[in-house]
Amino acid sequence: MLYRRGSIWWYEFQFMGQRVRESSRSSSKAVAQSAERQRHRELEESANGISKRRRPLLFSIAAREYLDSKRADVKASTLRIESKNIDHLAVFFGKSLLNDIEGRDVTRYQAMRSDEGAAGATVNLEVGTLRSILRRHRLWANIQPDVKKRPERTDVGKSLTSEAEVALLAACSQSRSRSLYTAVILALHTGLRSSELLSLRWHQIDLAGRSLKVADSKTTAGRGRTVSLNSTAAAVLTQWASQFPGRKDEHAVFPTERVGAAGHGFDAQISGTNPGQPIRSLKEAWESAKRRAGVQVRWHDLRHTCCTRLLEHGVSLPIVGQVLGWSASTTVRMAQRYGHIGQEAQRKAMDLLDRPEANTAAPEPLAERPAVH
């Protein structure tokens, strides 16, 4: 039944015992009749389990919608990674309809990225974003059996030698960025990830108790963990805190600030410090310090160095996993990566049994039992 309210036509009908009354949002009776038929058909299809056909989407449009849907739920750093992945995917899939993407297309994309020099882990990360987009439109399950992950490197990275550490820290102490030296020391002595380190607030630091609490981590296992501060880390943090006498608990440990140069010696001049905003990156200062030190190392290798030194000193892998914020599955995987270090620690542990105090008393021989006749 059609009727008017003002200039707008409405329709009303009974469906499965319920009254449906809706506006056509139109002043045309013909449009209202068409809208009523369409609505009735939609309800019938839904009641009979007939899925609504999805309009075909270009990958470029679906990718934009995917990013928009993630903005409210993920961290800015995660969004940047997803956006970068989509930039690479768009070169190959940008003009393709989602419905037309097949497993062989994904395989060709993987081969293209490998030929460009992308690491296996990078390619897998990009395909992971593609998978999320296709899953959102219920299209991944059909091609999943035809897509294989690229092999990833399983080496542990580089651990700094003592000589390289001395040279690197000397270069960091001369950096125009006053945050760099403290951040590198903390990375070496706590194993914090870069994002965990740069997002620290003063309320997470307990100088009296010599510990810090990680609030922002990319893993669930890493979030909320407490990391003890050794003497070196506590000392450098105490000295760093003295540079911010008016600091508040909610202030960033490494705040955003502008660095300029003044005088004949172009000495660094700090200005525009924003204590409420954590610094986003130390990349420029880090790269400059590495060049001055003549050291080839990644920032993440500071975390590798911390892990390696703990294992070399006989700390068990589960304890190292707690310090570094590894999940249970990651700890198992790292047992394989750092296996050579674990074997050495195990050898030292077994050697303890050779010490005299380990053999306090030799077992007495069993008494002979009388023969039974």
Protein backbone atom coordinates (compact mmCIF):
# COMPACT_ATOMS: atom_id res chain seq x y z
CA MET A 1 0.00 0.00 0.00
CA LEU A 2 1.26 3.47 -0.91
CA TYR A 3 0.39 6.70 0.85
CA ARG A 4 1.71 10.25 1.10
CA ARG A 5 3.06 12.20 4.01
CA GLY A 6 3.42 15.75 2.83
CA SER A 7 5.15 15.48 -0.52
CA ILE A 8 6.91 12.15 0.22
CA TRP A 9 5.49 8.74 -0.68
CA TRP A 10 5.61 5.90 1.85
CA TYR A 11 4.91 2.20 1.42
CA GLU A 12 3.49 -0.33 3.83
CA PHE A 13 3.06 -4.12 3.58
CA GLN A 14 2.93 -7.27 5.71
CA PHE A 15 5.87 -9.72 5.64
CA MET A 16 6.02 -12.91 7.74
CA GLY A 17 3.56 -11.52 10.25
CA GLN A 18 5.29 -8.17 10.63
CA ARG A 19 4.31 -4.78 9.29
CA VAL A 20 6.95 -3.03 7.19
CA ARG A 21 6.44 0.73 6.90
CA GLU A 22 9.20 2.78 5.25
CA SER A 23 9.71 6.03 3.37
CA SER A 24 10.62 5.94 -0.32
CA ARG A 25 12.37 9.32 0.17
CA SER A 26 10.80 10.41 -3.09
CA SER A 27 7.90 12.61 -4.19
CA SER A 28 7.34 10.34 -7.21
CA LYS A 29 4.69 7.64 -6.87
CA ALA A 30 6.37 5.53 -9.57
CA VAL A 31 9.65 5.58 -7.67
CA ALA A 32 7.83 4.62 -4.46
CA GLN A 33 6.19 1.64 -6.22
CA SER A 34 9.60 0.46 -7.46
CA ALA A 35 11.13 0.93 -4.00
CA GLU A 36 8.34 -1.13 -2.42
CA ARG A 37 8.88 -4.02 -4.86
CA GLN A 38 12.66 -3.88 -4.34
CA ARG A 39 12.32 -3.90 -0.55
CA HIS A 40 9.89 -6.81 -0.65
CA ARG A 41 12.29 -8.78 -2.86
CA GLU A 42 15.25 -8.10 -0.53
CA LEU A 43 13.30 -9.43 2.46
CA GLU A 44 12.25 -12.56 0.54
CA GLU A 45 15.83 -13.30 -0.55
CA SER A 46 17.12 -12.78 2.97
CA ALA A 47 14.48 -15.09 4.44
CA ASN A 48 15.42 -17.81 1.93
CA GLY A 49 19.16 -17.52 2.46
CA ILE A 50 19.85 -15.99 -0.94
CA SER A 51 22.92 -13.80 -0.58
CA LYS A 52 22.90 -10.38 -2.09
CA ARG A 53 25.22 -10.00 -5.05
CA ARG A 54 28.13 -7.75 -4.28
CA ARG A 55 29.05 -5.07 -6.71
CA PRO A 56 32.49 -5.63 -8.26
CA LEU A 57 35.12 -3.29 -6.82
CA LEU A 58 38.45 -2.14 -8.16
CA PHE A 59 41.34 -3.06 -5.88
CA SER A 60 42.29 0.60 -5.57
CA ILE A 61 38.82 1.49 -4.21
CA ALA A 62 38.64 -1.56 -1.91
CA ALA A 63 42.10 -0.76 -0.54
CA ARG A 64 41.09 2.82 0.27
CA GLU A 65 37.94 1.61 2.02
CA TYR A 66 40.03 -0.94 3.95
CA LEU A 67 42.41 1.75 5.21
CA ASP A 68 39.51 4.00 6.20
CA SER A 69 37.97 1.16 8.22
CA LYS A 70 41.24 0.61 10.12
CA ARG A 71 41.91 4.20 11.15
CA ALA A 72 39.92 4.07 14.37
CA ASP A 73 41.18 0.65 15.48
CA VAL A 74 44.95 0.54 14.94
CA LYS A 75 48.00 2.59 15.88
CA ALA A 76 49.36 5.21 13.50
CA SER A 77 52.50 3.13 12.96
CA THR A 78 50.43 0.10 11.89
CA LEU A 79 48.41 2.28 9.54
CA ARG A 80 51.63 3.57 7.94
CA ILE A 81 52.81 0.00 7.34
CA GLU A 82 49.48 -1.01 5.81
CA SER A 83 49.49 2.09 3.62
CA LYS A 84 53.02 1.34 2.41
CA ASN A 85 52.01 -2.26 1.62
CA ILE A 86 49.06 -1.01 -0.42
CA ASP A 87 51.33 1.37 -2.36
CA HIS A 88 53.30 -1.67 -3.56
CA LEU A 89 50.21 -3.80 -4.17
CA ALA A 90 48.51 -1.04 -6.17
CA VAL A 91 51.27 -1.09 -8.79
CA PHE A 92 50.24 -4.65 -9.70
CA PHE A 93 46.58 -4.93 -8.64
CA GLY A 94 45.42 -1.29 -8.75
CA LYS A 95 43.24 -1.61 -11.87
CA SER A 96 42.05 -5.18 -11.18
CA LEU A 97 38.57 -6.06 -9.97
CA LEU A 98 38.69 -7.90 -6.65
CA ASN A 99 36.58 -10.73 -8.13
CA ASP A 100 39.18 -11.26 -10.86
CA ILE A 101 42.21 -11.73 -8.58
CA GLU A 102 43.39 -15.35 -8.65
CA GLY A 103 46.08 -17.33 -6.88
CA ARG A 104 48.36 -17.21 -9.91
CA ASP A 105 48.13 -13.40 -9.86
CA VAL A 106 49.39 -13.37 -6.27
CA THR A 107 52.22 -15.74 -7.25
CA ARG A 108 53.25 -13.41 -10.08
CA TYR A 109 53.18 -10.48 -7.67
CA GLN A 110 55.44 -12.34 -5.23
CA ALA A 111 57.89 -13.12 -8.04
CA MET A 112 57.89 -9.49 -9.21
CA ARG A 113 58.63 -8.18 -5.71
CA SER A 114 61.39 -10.75 -5.20
CA ASP A 115 62.99 -9.70 -8.50
CA GLU A 116 62.91 -6.12 -7.20
CA GLY A 117 64.96 -7.21 -4.21
CA ALA A 118 62.22 -7.29 -1.56
CA ALA A 119 62.91 -9.69 1.31
CA GLY A 120 60.65 -12.69 1.85
CA ALA A 121 59.30 -11.24 5.09
CA THR A 122 58.43 -7.98 3.30
CA VAL A 123 56.58 -9.79 0.50
CA ASN A 124 54.67 -11.89 3.03
CA LEU A 125 53.68 -8.75 4.90
CA GLU A 126 52.32 -7.17 1.71
CA VAL A 127 50.39 -10.32 0.77
CA GLY A 128 49.00 -10.29 4.31
CA THR A 129 47.46 -6.89 3.60
CA LEU A 130 46.04 -8.21 0.31
CA ARG A 131 44.60 -11.18 2.22
CA SER A 132 42.89 -8.85 4.71
CA ILE A 133 41.31 -6.82 1.89
CA LEU A 134 40.03 -9.92 0.08
CA ARG A 135 38.77 -11.47 3.32
CA ARG A 136 36.76 -8.34 3.98
CA HIS A 137 34.88 -9.11 0.75
CA ARG A 138 34.73 -12.90 1.33
CA LEU A 139 37.05 -13.58 -1.61
CA TRP A 140 40.23 -14.96 0.00
CA ALA A 141 39.09 -18.51 0.80
CA ASN A 142 38.81 -19.43 -2.88
CA ILE A 143 42.42 -18.58 -3.71
CA GLN A 144 44.10 -19.39 -0.38
CA PRO A 145 45.12 -22.97 -1.36
CA ASP A 146 47.04 -21.59 -4.35
CA VAL A 147 49.08 -19.01 -2.39
CA LYS A 148 52.32 -20.01 -0.65
CA LYS A 149 54.36 -17.85 1.69
CA ARG A 150 57.83 -16.77 0.63
CA PRO A 151 60.72 -18.19 2.67
CA GLU A 152 61.99 -15.77 5.29
CA ARG A 153 65.44 -15.34 6.72
CA THR A 154 65.88 -16.95 10.13
CA ASP A 155 69.27 -15.53 11.07
CA VAL A 156 69.44 -13.49 14.27
CA GLY A 157 70.93 -10.28 12.97
CA LYS A 158 74.18 -8.74 14.15
CA SER A 159 75.37 -8.47 17.73
CA LEU A 160 77.67 -5.50 18.43
CA THR A 161 81.25 -6.20 19.40
CA SER A 162 82.69 -4.30 22.36
CA GLU A 163 84.83 -2.21 20.00
CA ALA A 164 81.88 -1.33 17.77
CA GLU A 165 79.79 -0.40 20.82
CA VAL A 166 82.47 1.98 22.14
CA ALA A 167 82.81 3.68 18.73
CA LEU A 168 79.04 3.93 18.27
CA LEU A 169 78.36 5.38 21.73
CA ALA A 170 81.15 7.93 21.27
CA ALA A 171 79.53 9.06 18.01
CA CYS A 172 76.07 9.16 19.65
CA SER A 173 77.38 11.35 22.48
CA GLN A 174 78.46 13.94 19.86
CA SER A 175 75.09 13.93 18.08
CA ARG A 176 73.04 17.12 17.75
CA SER A 177 70.13 15.03 19.03
CA ARG A 178 70.49 14.92 22.80
CA SER A 179 68.06 11.98 22.94
CA LEU A 180 70.17 9.63 20.85
CA TYR A 181 72.86 8.61 23.37
CA THR A 182 70.35 7.83 26.15
CA ALA A 183 68.05 5.96 23.76
CA VAL A 184 70.88 3.76 22.44
CA ILE A 185 72.10 2.94 25.96
CA LEU A 186 68.58 1.95 26.99
CA ALA A 187 68.09 -0.16 23.87
CA LEU A 188 71.31 -2.05 24.58
CA HIS A 189 70.52 -2.61 28.26
CA THR A 190 66.76 -3.28 28.14
CA GLY A 191 66.16 -4.77 24.67
CA LEU A 192 63.15 -2.50 24.12
CA ARG A 193 61.82 -2.20 20.60
CA SER A 194 62.17 1.23 18.99
CA SER A 195 58.44 1.94 19.26
CA GLU A 196 58.37 0.85 22.91
CA LEU A 197 61.35 3.04 23.72
CA LEU A 198 60.29 6.25 21.99
CA SER A 199 56.73 6.09 23.35
CA LEU A 200 57.85 5.98 27.02
CA ARG A 201 56.26 8.42 29.49
CA TRP A 202 57.79 9.32 32.85
CA HIS A 203 55.03 7.56 34.79
CA GLN A 204 56.35 4.30 33.32
CA ILE A 205 59.81 4.87 34.85
CA ASP A 206 60.52 3.88 38.47
CA LEU A 207 64.04 5.14 39.17
CA ALA A 208 63.87 4.25 42.86
CA GLY A 209 62.76 0.70 42.09
CA ARG A 210 65.04 0.53 39.03
CA SER A 211 62.40 -0.67 36.59
CA LEU A 212 60.19 0.49 33.74
CA LYS A 213 56.83 -0.69 32.52
CA VAL A 214 56.10 -1.09 28.82
CA ALA A 215 52.69 0.32 27.91
CA ASP A 216 52.78 0.48 24.12
CA SER A 217 53.98 -2.66 22.32
CA LYS A 218 53.22 -4.27 19.00
CA THR A 219 52.57 -7.62 20.73
CA THR A 220 50.11 -8.63 23.45
CA ALA A 221 52.90 -10.45 25.30
CA GLY A 222 55.05 -7.32 25.29
CA ARG A 223 52.35 -4.95 26.49
CA GLY A 224 52.35 -4.25 30.22
CA ARG A 225 55.58 -6.12 30.99
CA THR A 226 58.04 -4.80 33.58
CA VAL A 227 61.73 -4.60 32.67
CA SER A 228 64.39 -4.25 35.36
CA LEU A 229 67.00 -1.53 34.93
CA ASN A 230 70.61 -2.47 35.55
CA SER A 231 73.08 0.07 36.97
CA THR A 232 74.03 1.40 33.53
CA ALA A 233 70.43 1.93 32.40
CA ALA A 234 69.38 3.43 35.74
CA ALA A 235 72.35 5.83 35.75
CA VAL A 236 71.78 7.12 32.22
CA LEU A 237 68.05 7.57 32.90
CA THR A 238 68.76 9.43 36.15
CA GLN A 239 71.11 11.77 34.32
CA TRP A 240 68.55 12.23 31.52
CA ALA A 241 65.78 12.99 34.03
CA SER A 242 67.92 15.77 35.55
CA GLN A 243 67.62 17.65 32.23
CA PHE A 244 63.84 17.91 32.75
CA PRO A 245 63.43 19.28 36.30
CA GLY A 246 59.85 20.34 35.60
CA ARG A 247 58.80 17.02 34.10
CA LYS A 248 55.36 15.56 34.84
CA ASP A 249 54.28 11.93 34.87
CA GLU A 250 52.40 12.26 31.59
CA HIS A 251 55.35 13.88 29.77
CA ALA A 252 57.30 11.96 27.14
CA VAL A 253 60.70 10.62 28.18
CA PHE A 254 61.98 11.52 24.72
CA PRO A 255 60.01 14.64 23.74
CA THR A 256 59.76 16.20 20.33
CA GLU A 257 62.06 19.21 19.99
CA ARG A 258 63.75 21.34 17.34
CA VAL A 259 67.52 21.30 17.00
CA GLY A 260 69.38 24.17 15.37
CA ALA A 261 72.99 25.37 15.17
CA ALA A 262 74.55 28.56 16.48
CA GLY A 263 77.95 30.19 16.80
CA HIS A 264 81.16 29.68 14.82
CA GLY A 265 81.27 26.06 15.90
CA PHE A 266 77.68 25.43 14.84
CA ASP A 267 76.89 24.12 18.31
CA ALA A 268 73.54 22.39 18.70
CA GLN A 269 70.77 24.58 20.09
CA ILE A 270 67.62 22.95 21.46
CA SER A 271 64.33 24.85 21.11
CA GLY A 272 60.60 24.23 20.88
CA THR A 273 60.56 21.22 23.21
CA ASN A 274 57.06 19.72 23.37
CA PRO A 275 56.99 17.48 26.48
CA GLY A 276 53.57 16.09 25.64
CA GLN A 277 54.59 14.74 22.24
CA PRO A 278 57.03 11.78 22.02
CA ILE A 279 59.69 11.97 19.33
CA ARG A 280 58.64 9.98 16.26
CA SER A 281 62.02 8.94 14.92
CA LEU A 282 65.76 9.16 15.56
CA LYS A 283 66.61 7.91 12.09
CA GLU A 284 68.54 10.94 10.84
CA ALA A 285 70.66 11.26 14.00
CA TRP A 286 71.18 7.48 14.11
CA GLU A 287 72.40 7.27 10.52
CA SER A 288 74.80 10.18 11.07
CA ALA A 289 76.23 8.58 14.21
CA LYS A 290 76.78 5.27 12.41
CA ARG A 291 78.68 7.00 9.62
CA ARG A 292 80.94 8.83 12.09
CA ALA A 293 81.57 5.60 14.00
CA GLY A 294 82.18 3.56 10.85
CA VAL A 295 79.77 0.90 12.10
CA GLN A 296 77.31 -1.02 9.92
CA VAL A 297 74.41 -1.90 12.19
CA ARG A 298 70.61 -1.62 12.28
CA TRP A 299 68.71 -0.15 15.21
CA HIS A 300 67.05 -3.53 15.75
CA ASP A 301 70.52 -5.04 16.19
CA LEU A 302 70.70 -3.24 19.54
CA ARG A 303 67.90 -5.56 20.65
CA HIS A 304 69.76 -8.54 19.18
CA THR A 305 72.84 -7.48 21.15
CA CYS A 306 70.91 -7.36 24.41
CA CYS A 307 69.39 -10.78 23.76
CA THR A 308 72.71 -12.36 22.74
CA ARG A 309 74.57 -11.06 25.79
CA LEU A 310 71.87 -12.31 28.17
CA LEU A 311 72.02 -15.79 26.63
CA GLU A 312 75.83 -15.79 26.65
CA HIS A 313 75.72 -15.14 30.38
CA GLY A 314 73.53 -18.20 30.88
CA VAL A 315 70.11 -16.55 31.26
CA SER A 316 67.40 -19.03 30.28
CA LEU A 317 65.43 -18.43 27.10
CA PRO A 318 62.05 -18.10 28.92
CA ILE A 319 63.48 -15.32 31.10
CA VAL A 320 64.95 -13.59 28.04
CA GLY A 321 61.53 -13.91 26.41
CA GLN A 322 59.91 -12.17 29.39
CA VAL A 323 62.43 -9.31 29.21
CA LEU A 324 61.98 -8.83 25.47
CA GLY A 325 58.21 -9.36 25.41
CA TRP A 326 58.08 -12.52 23.28
CA SER A 327 54.92 -14.58 22.98
CA ALA A 328 55.12 -18.32 23.69
CA SER A 329 55.24 -19.14 19.97
CA THR A 330 57.96 -16.54 19.36
CA THR A 331 60.03 -17.98 22.22
CA VAL A 332 59.91 -21.38 20.55
CA ARG A 333 60.97 -19.84 17.23
CA MET A 334 63.78 -17.88 18.88
CA ALA A 335 65.06 -21.08 20.50
CA GLN A 336 65.94 -22.19 16.98
CA ARG A 337 67.43 -18.84 15.94
CA TYR A 338 69.61 -18.50 19.03
CA GLY A 339 70.23 -22.24 19.36
CA HIS A 340 74.02 -21.92 19.00
CA ILE A 341 74.15 -19.60 22.01
CA GLY A 342 71.83 -21.83 24.00
CA GLN A 343 74.03 -24.85 23.34
CA GLU A 344 77.07 -23.04 24.72
CA ALA A 345 75.16 -22.05 27.86
CA GLN A 346 73.95 -25.65 28.21
CA ARG A 347 77.53 -26.92 27.89
CA LYS A 348 78.68 -24.59 30.67
CA ALA A 349 75.78 -25.73 32.86
CA MET A 350 76.66 -29.39 32.38
CA ASP A 351 80.31 -28.65 33.15
CA LEU A 352 79.20 -27.62 36.64
CA LEU A 353 78.65 -31.31 37.36
CA ASP A 354 82.43 -31.85 37.04
CA ARG A 355 83.16 -29.69 40.06
CA PRO A 356 84.16 -31.52 43.28
CA GLU A 357 81.23 -30.10 45.27
CA ALA A 358 78.86 -31.68 42.76
CA ASN A 359 80.14 -35.11 43.78
CA THR A 360 79.94 -34.85 47.56
CA ALA A 361 79.64 -38.56 48.16
CA ALA A 362 80.19 -41.52 45.92
CA PRO A 363 77.34 -44.03 45.96
CA GLU A 364 78.08 -47.16 47.98
CA PRO A 365 78.04 -50.49 46.11
CA LEU A 366 74.96 -52.59 46.59
CA ALA A 367 75.36 -55.24 49.29
CA GLU A 368 75.45 -58.76 47.99
CA ARG A 369 72.28 -60.65 48.68
CA PRO A 370 72.54 -64.12 50.08
CA ALA A 371 71.85 -66.79 47.53
CA VAL A 372 68.44 -68.37 47.76
CA HIS A 373 68.60 -72.17 47.84
